[in-house]
Protein backbone atom coordinates (compact mmCIF):
# COMPACT_ATOMS: atom_id res chain seq x y z
CA MET A 1 18.62 10.74 17.70
CA GLN A 2 18.38 12.53 13.64
CA SER A 3 14.95 13.13 12.57
CA ALA A 4 12.67 15.12 10.52
CA ARG A 5 9.27 16.26 9.77
CA LEU A 6 8.29 15.68 6.06
CA ASP A 7 6.36 18.94 5.49
CA SER A 8 9.03 20.84 7.22
CA ILE A 9 11.50 19.81 4.86
CA PRO A 10 11.67 22.28 1.78
CA GLU A 11 11.29 21.91 -1.99
CA HIS A 12 13.17 22.13 -4.55
CA GLU A 13 11.81 23.02 -8.20
CA GLN A 14 13.64 21.36 -10.87
CA ARG A 15 12.77 21.88 -14.45
CA SER A 16 13.90 21.64 -17.83
CA PRO A 17 13.97 24.39 -20.59
CA THR A 18 10.60 23.56 -22.13
CA GLY A 19 9.08 22.19 -18.89
CA LYS A 20 8.77 18.14 -20.61
CA PHE A 21 11.18 17.14 -17.19
CA HIS A 22 9.61 19.10 -14.04
CA SER A 23 9.73 17.68 -10.78
CA PHE A 24 9.85 19.57 -6.93
CA SER A 25 11.95 17.17 -4.83
CA ARG A 26 12.47 17.33 -0.55
CA ASN A 27 15.58 15.66 -0.07
CA VAL A 28 14.66 13.78 3.25
CA SER A 29 18.31 11.94 3.43
CA VAL A 30 20.21 15.69 3.47
CA ALA A 31 17.27 16.54 6.20
CA LEU A 32 18.68 13.67 8.05
CA GLY A 33 22.02 14.67 7.70
CA ALA A 34 23.35 12.58 4.39
CA ILE A 35 25.58 14.27 1.87
CA ARG A 36 24.02 14.75 -1.13
CA ASN A 37 25.06 11.78 -3.75
CA ALA A 38 27.75 10.10 -0.88
CA GLY A 39 27.61 6.96 0.80
CA THR A 40 29.18 6.12 3.87
CA TRP A 41 32.55 5.40 1.69
CA ALA A 42 32.59 9.48 2.05
CA GLY A 43 30.75 9.72 5.77
CA SER A 44 27.34 9.71 4.44
CA HIS A 45 24.15 7.39 4.38
CA PRO A 46 24.37 4.25 2.94
CA PHE A 47 21.09 5.42 1.12
CA ASP A 48 19.09 7.93 -0.34
CA PHE A 49 15.27 8.92 0.19
CA GLN A 50 13.54 11.71 -1.93
CA ILE A 51 9.99 12.95 -2.32
CA ARG A 52 9.08 13.76 -5.81
CA ARG A 53 5.88 15.77 -6.85
CA ILE A 54 5.90 15.34 -10.34
CA PRO A 55 3.33 18.00 -12.29
CA PRO A 56 0.51 16.28 -14.89
CA GLY A 57 2.20 15.17 -18.12
CA ALA A 58 6.05 15.80 -16.86
CA ALA A 59 8.47 12.96 -16.40
CA VAL A 60 10.96 12.97 -13.60
CA CYS A 61 14.13 12.61 -15.54
CA PRO A 62 15.31 11.48 -18.96
CA PHE A 63 15.28 7.71 -20.01
CA HIS A 64 18.36 6.76 -18.64
CA VAL A 65 20.45 3.03 -17.19
CA HIS A 66 22.67 3.30 -14.15
CA PHE A 67 25.50 1.21 -14.53
CA ALA A 68 25.87 0.85 -10.71
CA GLN A 69 22.92 2.47 -8.52
CA TRP A 70 19.69 1.04 -7.37
CA GLU A 71 16.64 2.79 -7.58
CA ALA A 72 13.27 1.65 -6.06
CA PHE A 73 9.70 3.61 -5.86
CA LEU A 74 6.24 3.74 -4.17
CA ILE A 75 3.97 5.68 -5.66
CA ARG A 76 1.87 7.16 -2.86
CA ALA A 77 -0.57 9.09 -4.88
CA GLY A 78 -1.59 9.76 -8.57
CA THR A 79 -0.90 7.55 -11.37
CA ALA A 80 2.28 7.02 -13.52
CA THR A 81 3.72 5.73 -17.31
CA ILE A 82 6.81 3.51 -16.56
CA ARG A 83 9.31 2.99 -19.26
CA ALA A 84 11.10 -0.19 -18.15
CA GLY A 85 13.88 -1.17 -21.37
CA ASP A 86 11.67 -1.61 -24.43
CA GLU A 87 8.44 -2.22 -22.06
CA THR A 88 6.10 0.42 -20.88
CA PHE A 89 3.72 -0.09 -17.81
CA SER A 90 1.07 2.02 -16.14
CA ALA A 91 1.17 2.29 -12.39
CA ARG A 92 -1.29 3.91 -9.36
CA ALA A 93 -1.11 4.52 -5.65
CA GLY A 94 0.36 1.71 -3.77
CA ASP A 95 2.89 -0.12 -6.51
CA VAL A 96 6.19 -0.13 -5.92
CA PHE A 97 9.07 -1.35 -7.85
CA VAL A 98 13.06 -1.47 -8.59
CA HIS A 99 15.28 -1.09 -11.21
CA PRO A 100 18.66 -2.56 -10.92
CA PRO A 101 21.82 -1.12 -12.40
CA GLY A 102 21.43 -2.00 -16.28
CA GLU A 103 17.87 -1.44 -16.92
CA ALA A 104 16.96 1.91 -18.83
CA HIS A 105 13.88 3.53 -16.76
CA GLN A 106 11.80 6.62 -16.94
CA LEU A 107 8.95 7.97 -14.81
CA ILE A 108 5.96 9.79 -16.29
CA ASN A 109 2.61 11.90 -15.01
CA SER A 110 0.24 10.44 -17.16
CA GLY A 111 -3.16 11.35 -14.75
CA ARG A 112 -4.48 14.47 -14.34
CA ASP A 113 -3.09 15.28 -10.66
CA ASP A 114 0.09 15.50 -9.12
CA LEU A 115 2.01 12.32 -9.09
CA GLU A 116 3.93 11.94 -5.31
CA VAL A 117 6.37 9.35 -5.14
CA PHE A 118 8.78 8.33 -2.73
CA ILE A 119 12.24 7.47 -4.40
CA PHE A 120 14.93 5.27 -2.54
CA ALA A 121 18.21 4.63 -4.03
CA ASP A 122 21.88 3.53 -3.03
CA ASN A 123 24.90 5.50 -2.93
CA PRO A 124 27.54 3.73 -5.17
CA PRO A 125 31.08 5.27 -4.90
CA LEU A 126 31.04 5.65 -8.79
CA ASP A 127 28.39 5.36 -11.60
CA ALA A 128 27.83 6.10 -15.21
CA CYS A 129 24.66 6.56 -16.73
CA TYR A 130 23.57 6.15 -20.35
CA TYR A 131 20.82 7.87 -22.28
CA PRO A 132 19.69 5.92 -25.30
CA ASP A 133 16.63 8.29 -26.73
CA SER A 134 19.74 11.07 -27.22
CA ASN A 135 22.49 8.56 -27.12
CA LYS A 136 24.44 10.81 -24.17
CA TRP A 137 26.64 9.35 -21.34
CA GLY A 138 27.13 10.99 -18.38
CA LEU A 139 29.83 9.90 -15.43
CA ARG A 140 29.34 10.64 -11.08
CA PRO A 141 32.22 12.05 -10.46
CA PRO A 142 33.11 14.30 -12.06
CA GLY A 143 29.65 15.47 -13.18
CA ARG A 144 30.13 15.12 -16.71
CA ILE A 145 27.62 14.95 -19.59
CA PHE A 146 29.36 13.81 -23.31
CA ARG A 147 29.20 11.92 -26.07
CA ILE A 148 31.59 9.48 -27.17
CA GLU A 149 33.89 10.00 -29.81
CA ASP A 150 36.06 6.88 -30.83
CA ALA A 151 39.40 7.59 -30.01
CA HIS A 152 42.26 5.22 -30.16
CA TYR A 153 43.81 4.35 -26.20
CA PHE A 154 47.16 5.69 -27.09
CA ASP A 155 45.64 9.13 -29.18
CA GLY A 156 47.01 11.47 -27.50
CA GLU A 157 50.09 9.83 -25.42
CA ASP A 158 52.31 8.61 -28.19
CA ASN A 159 52.55 9.45 -32.18
CA LEU A 160 50.63 6.82 -33.82
CA PRO A 161 51.38 5.93 -37.35
CA ALA A 162 48.69 5.76 -40.10
CA GLY A 163 46.51 2.77 -40.30
CA ALA A 164 47.90 1.45 -36.39
CA PRO A 165 46.08 -0.99 -35.36
CA PRO A 166 43.51 -0.60 -32.28
CA HIS A 167 44.96 -1.47 -28.95
CA ALA A 168 43.40 -4.19 -26.99
CA ILE A 169 42.46 -3.56 -23.45
CA ALA A 170 40.86 -5.73 -20.81
CA VAL A 171 37.02 -5.82 -20.90
CA ALA A 172 34.83 -6.01 -18.12
CA PRO A 173 32.92 -8.53 -17.66
CA PRO A 174 28.73 -8.05 -18.62
CA LEU A 175 26.45 -6.95 -16.16
CA PRO A 176 24.60 -9.54 -14.63
CA PRO A 177 20.96 -10.41 -16.75
CA VAL A 178 18.48 -8.45 -15.50
CA SER A 179 15.00 -10.34 -14.71
CA PRO A 180 11.48 -8.63 -16.27
CA PHE A 181 10.24 -5.56 -14.72
CA ALA A 182 6.90 -7.08 -14.56
CA GLU A 183 8.28 -9.51 -11.99
CA ARG A 184 9.63 -6.56 -9.68
CA ILE A 185 6.16 -4.52 -9.74
CA ARG A 186 4.10 -4.77 -6.59
CA ASN A 187 0.90 -3.33 -5.62
CA ILE A 188 1.32 -3.10 -1.73
CA GLU A 189 -2.78 -4.22 -1.15
CA ALA A 190 -1.87 -7.21 -2.85
CA ILE A 191 1.23 -8.55 -0.54
CA ALA A 192 0.16 -10.56 2.20
CA TRP A 193 0.75 -9.33 5.73
CA GLU A 194 3.37 -11.51 7.69
CA GLU A 195 2.86 -11.30 11.75
CA TRP A 196 5.11 -11.94 14.28
CA ARG A 197 4.97 -12.76 18.03
CA SER A 198 7.55 -13.60 20.94
CA PRO A 199 6.16 -16.34 23.12
CA LYS A 200 4.95 -14.26 25.87
CA GLY A 201 3.62 -11.74 23.23
CA LYS A 202 5.33 -8.95 24.78
CA PHE A 203 6.65 -8.16 21.30
CA HIS A 204 4.36 -8.47 18.68
CA GLY A 205 3.42 -6.70 14.85
CA ARG A 206 3.08 -7.06 11.50
CA SER A 207 4.53 -6.45 7.95
CA LYS A 208 4.45 -6.83 4.54
CA GLU A 209 8.36 -7.47 3.00
CA LEU A 210 8.36 -5.06 0.07
CA SER A 211 11.38 -6.03 -1.18
CA ILE A 212 11.25 -9.41 -0.93
CA ALA A 213 7.93 -9.25 -2.24
CA LEU A 214 10.20 -7.62 -5.76
CA GLY A 215 12.47 -10.60 -5.94
CA ALA A 216 15.11 -9.47 -3.29
CA LYS A 217 16.78 -12.58 -1.19
CA ARG A 218 16.17 -11.77 2.46
CA ASN A 219 19.10 -10.66 4.43
CA ALA A 220 21.76 -10.98 1.76
CA PRO A 221 23.59 -8.46 -0.04
CA THR A 222 23.41 -7.54 -3.58
CA GLY A 223 26.21 -10.06 -5.11
CA LEU A 224 24.32 -13.15 -3.18
CA GLY A 225 21.15 -11.97 -4.69
CA GLY A 226 19.66 -9.14 -2.60
CA HIS A 227 19.31 -5.57 -3.07
CA PRO A 228 21.69 -2.88 -1.55
CA PHE A 229 18.21 -1.58 0.41
CA ASP A 230 15.39 -3.30 2.40
CA LEU A 231 12.05 -1.99 2.21
CA GLU A 232 9.47 -2.83 4.45
CA LEU A 233 5.72 -1.86 5.67
CA GLY A 234 4.83 -2.43 9.57
CA GLN A 235 1.97 -2.58 11.29
CA LEU A 236 1.54 -1.94 15.19
CA ALA A 237 -1.74 -2.26 17.39
CA PRO A 238 -1.93 0.30 20.29
CA GLY A 239 0.35 -0.87 23.26
CA GLU A 240 2.75 -3.40 20.63
CA CYS A 241 6.44 -3.04 20.09
CA GLY A 242 7.77 -4.58 17.67
CA CYS A 243 11.51 -5.85 19.11
CA PRO A 244 13.44 -5.25 21.57
CA PHE A 245 15.81 -2.64 22.77
CA HIS A 246 18.59 -2.93 20.08
CA SER A 247 21.83 -1.47 18.23
CA HIS A 248 23.33 -3.25 14.83
CA ALA A 249 27.68 -2.81 14.48
CA ALA A 250 26.97 -2.33 10.70
CA GLN A 251 23.19 -1.91 9.88
CA TRP A 252 21.38 1.42 9.09
CA GLU A 253 17.60 1.87 9.68
CA MET A 254 15.38 4.25 9.05
CA LEU A 255 11.33 4.88 9.92
CA VAL A 256 9.26 7.02 7.92
CA PHE A 257 5.96 7.18 10.36
CA LEU A 258 2.74 6.95 7.77
CA ALA A 259 -0.22 6.53 10.43
CA GLY A 260 -0.50 6.61 14.64
CA THR A 261 1.83 7.89 17.04
CA ALA A 262 4.81 6.20 17.93
CA THR A 263 7.21 6.76 21.21
CA VAL A 264 10.77 5.82 19.74
CA ARG A 265 13.71 5.04 22.41
CA ALA A 266 17.38 5.70 21.16
CA GLY A 267 20.32 5.83 23.24
CA THR A 268 19.66 7.68 26.42
CA ASP A 269 16.60 10.08 24.38
CA THR A 270 12.84 9.26 24.28
CA ARG A 271 10.50 11.38 21.84
CA VAL A 272 7.19 10.90 20.60
CA PHE A 273 6.27 11.03 16.85
CA GLY A 274 3.49 11.12 14.60
CA ALA A 275 2.44 10.59 10.71
CA GLY A 276 4.55 12.41 8.14
CA GLU A 277 7.78 12.23 10.36
CA VAL A 278 11.15 10.48 9.69
CA VAL A 279 14.10 9.15 11.84
CA ILE A 280 16.83 7.62 11.38
CA HIS A 281 19.24 4.79 13.72
CA PRO A 282 23.09 4.80 12.43
CA PRO A 283 25.46 1.86 13.41
CA ARG A 284 25.91 1.55 17.55
CA GLU A 285 22.97 3.76 18.21
CA PRO A 286 20.25 1.04 20.49
CA HIS A 287 16.62 1.93 18.96
CA GLY A 288 13.45 0.93 19.72
CA PHE A 289 9.33 2.16 19.02
CA THR A 290 6.23 1.56 20.67
CA ASN A 291 2.63 2.52 19.34
CA THR A 292 1.90 4.72 22.26
CA GLY A 293 -1.35 6.12 20.36
CA ASP A 294 -5.19 4.82 20.26
CA SER A 295 -4.93 4.02 16.44
CA ALA A 296 -2.89 1.16 14.61
CA LEU A 297 0.69 2.68 13.55
CA VAL A 298 1.71 2.45 10.54
CA TYR A 299 5.23 2.42 9.23
CA LEU A 300 7.93 2.29 6.32
CA LEU A 301 11.26 0.98 7.35
CA VAL A 302 13.87 0.90 5.24
CA ALA A 303 17.14 -0.55 5.88
CA ASP A 304 20.57 -1.38 4.29
CA ASN A 305 21.88 -4.74 3.73
CA PRO A 306 25.63 -5.08 4.69
CA PRO A 307 27.49 -8.12 4.20
CA VAL A 308 28.00 -9.00 7.98
CA ASP A 309 25.85 -7.46 10.72
CA TYR A 310 25.58 -8.35 14.66
CA TRP A 311 23.16 -6.92 17.35
CA HIS A 312 23.45 -5.79 21.00
CA TYR A 313 20.70 -5.93 23.20
CA PRO A 314 21.21 -3.47 25.93
CA ASP A 315 18.51 -4.11 28.50
CA SER A 316 19.42 -7.94 28.42
CA ASN A 317 22.89 -7.67 27.71
CA LYS A 318 22.89 -10.46 24.61
CA TRP A 319 24.33 -10.34 22.10
CA GLY A 320 23.19 -11.82 18.28
CA VAL A 321 24.68 -12.42 15.07
CA ARG A 322 22.95 -13.15 11.53
CA GLU A 323 24.75 -15.76 10.59
CA PRO A 324 24.66 -18.65 12.38
CA ARG A 325 21.78 -17.12 13.68
CA MET A 326 22.36 -17.70 17.35
CA PHE A 327 22.09 -14.95 20.66
CA PHE A 328 24.35 -15.11 23.76
CA ARG A 329 26.09 -13.47 26.33
CA PRO A 330 29.92 -13.28 26.01
CA GLN A 331 32.14 -14.86 28.70
CA PRO A 332 35.65 -13.29 29.27
CA VAL A 333 38.66 -15.35 28.16
CA GLU A 334 42.39 -14.91 27.63
CA TYR A 335 42.80 -14.33 23.63
CA TYR A 336 45.17 -17.31 23.51
CA GLU A 337 43.13 -19.32 25.93
CA ASP A 338 42.78 -23.18 24.49
CA GLU A 339 45.41 -22.24 21.40
CA GLU A 340 48.17 -23.50 22.96
C-alpha cells in the first residue's frame, strides 16, 4: 500500500527572477512513487497531484494553453483571480474548476493571505504549450521554450530555388470546441450530496460528484465526453464502509483524507489513516476502507477513466464489468466449447 503524509512532503520553491511567478509545491504523486511528467506509458501514474501555496500577488505560472494536458484545481484556502481565455473570474476556497486542452489559463493570488490549491493533471505522452502574452511555445519532451520563425518544409533538407512555393503538409484537425469556463467552475457547497446504500445497509455513504458537476460524462474517457480523471468528494459516518473490498483491472484510485479516521485494507495489509494523509491503489490491488473513528470521515477520491475496466471482489469471489453493467461468478469452460 503506497501512502504519504501531506505535511511531511517537502515544499519546493519555484520563483521567477522578479517574483511575479512564485509558488511552493508539494508533489504528492512523486511522494507516492510517480515519475515526474510521466504517465503509465512510462511506468508512472495516470494523473499528477500537487499542492501549491502561492504568496499574495503572485501567479503560479505564465498565462498558457496546453494542447494535450488537462488540469483541474480545487482551492483549499485564500482567494484567487482566474484568467480563462479572454475572461477573468474571481474564485474562493471551495471552488473547483477544470481547464481542458485548448483553453489558455492562469491562476493568480489576488488576496492578502497565501493561496493554497490542489492541482490535478493527466500525464499525456506528448504535450505542447503556447504562451499568448509573450508569443512563446514550449514542447515536452524535449523540454524546450522557443519562438517560431517561419521556414520552408525543405529548408536545410534540399537546395531551394528562389521563390519556391510553400510545401503543403497534412493539416491536423482542430481541437474540439471548449465550453465556456463559467460552466466549468463550481463551489463545492453548491453541489448536492448523492447518497448510496446497499440493501441491508452494510455499505453506505454519500458523495459530491465534482467532475460530473463540471460537465464530465460519468464513467467515460475523454473521447466520449469524460475527463481523463474523475474527482469525487466523499463522506462516511462512523462505522460506515463505502463499498466492498475490490480490485480494478485497469483503473487507478487515490484517496486524500481531509477529516476523520479511516482503516484502509489493501491486499493483505491493513492500516489506519487520518486527516492529511493520502494513499494510492494501482490496478490489481484489492482495496477498501471504513470509517473507524468517532466523527465524519471526509475524503477526496481521484480516479482515472480507462476506456475499459472490470472488477474482482475477493471476499465473495465475484467479478463485475462496467459495460454492460453486470456481476457474475465465472464457470470454467473449454475455449472451443459451443464453437464447433
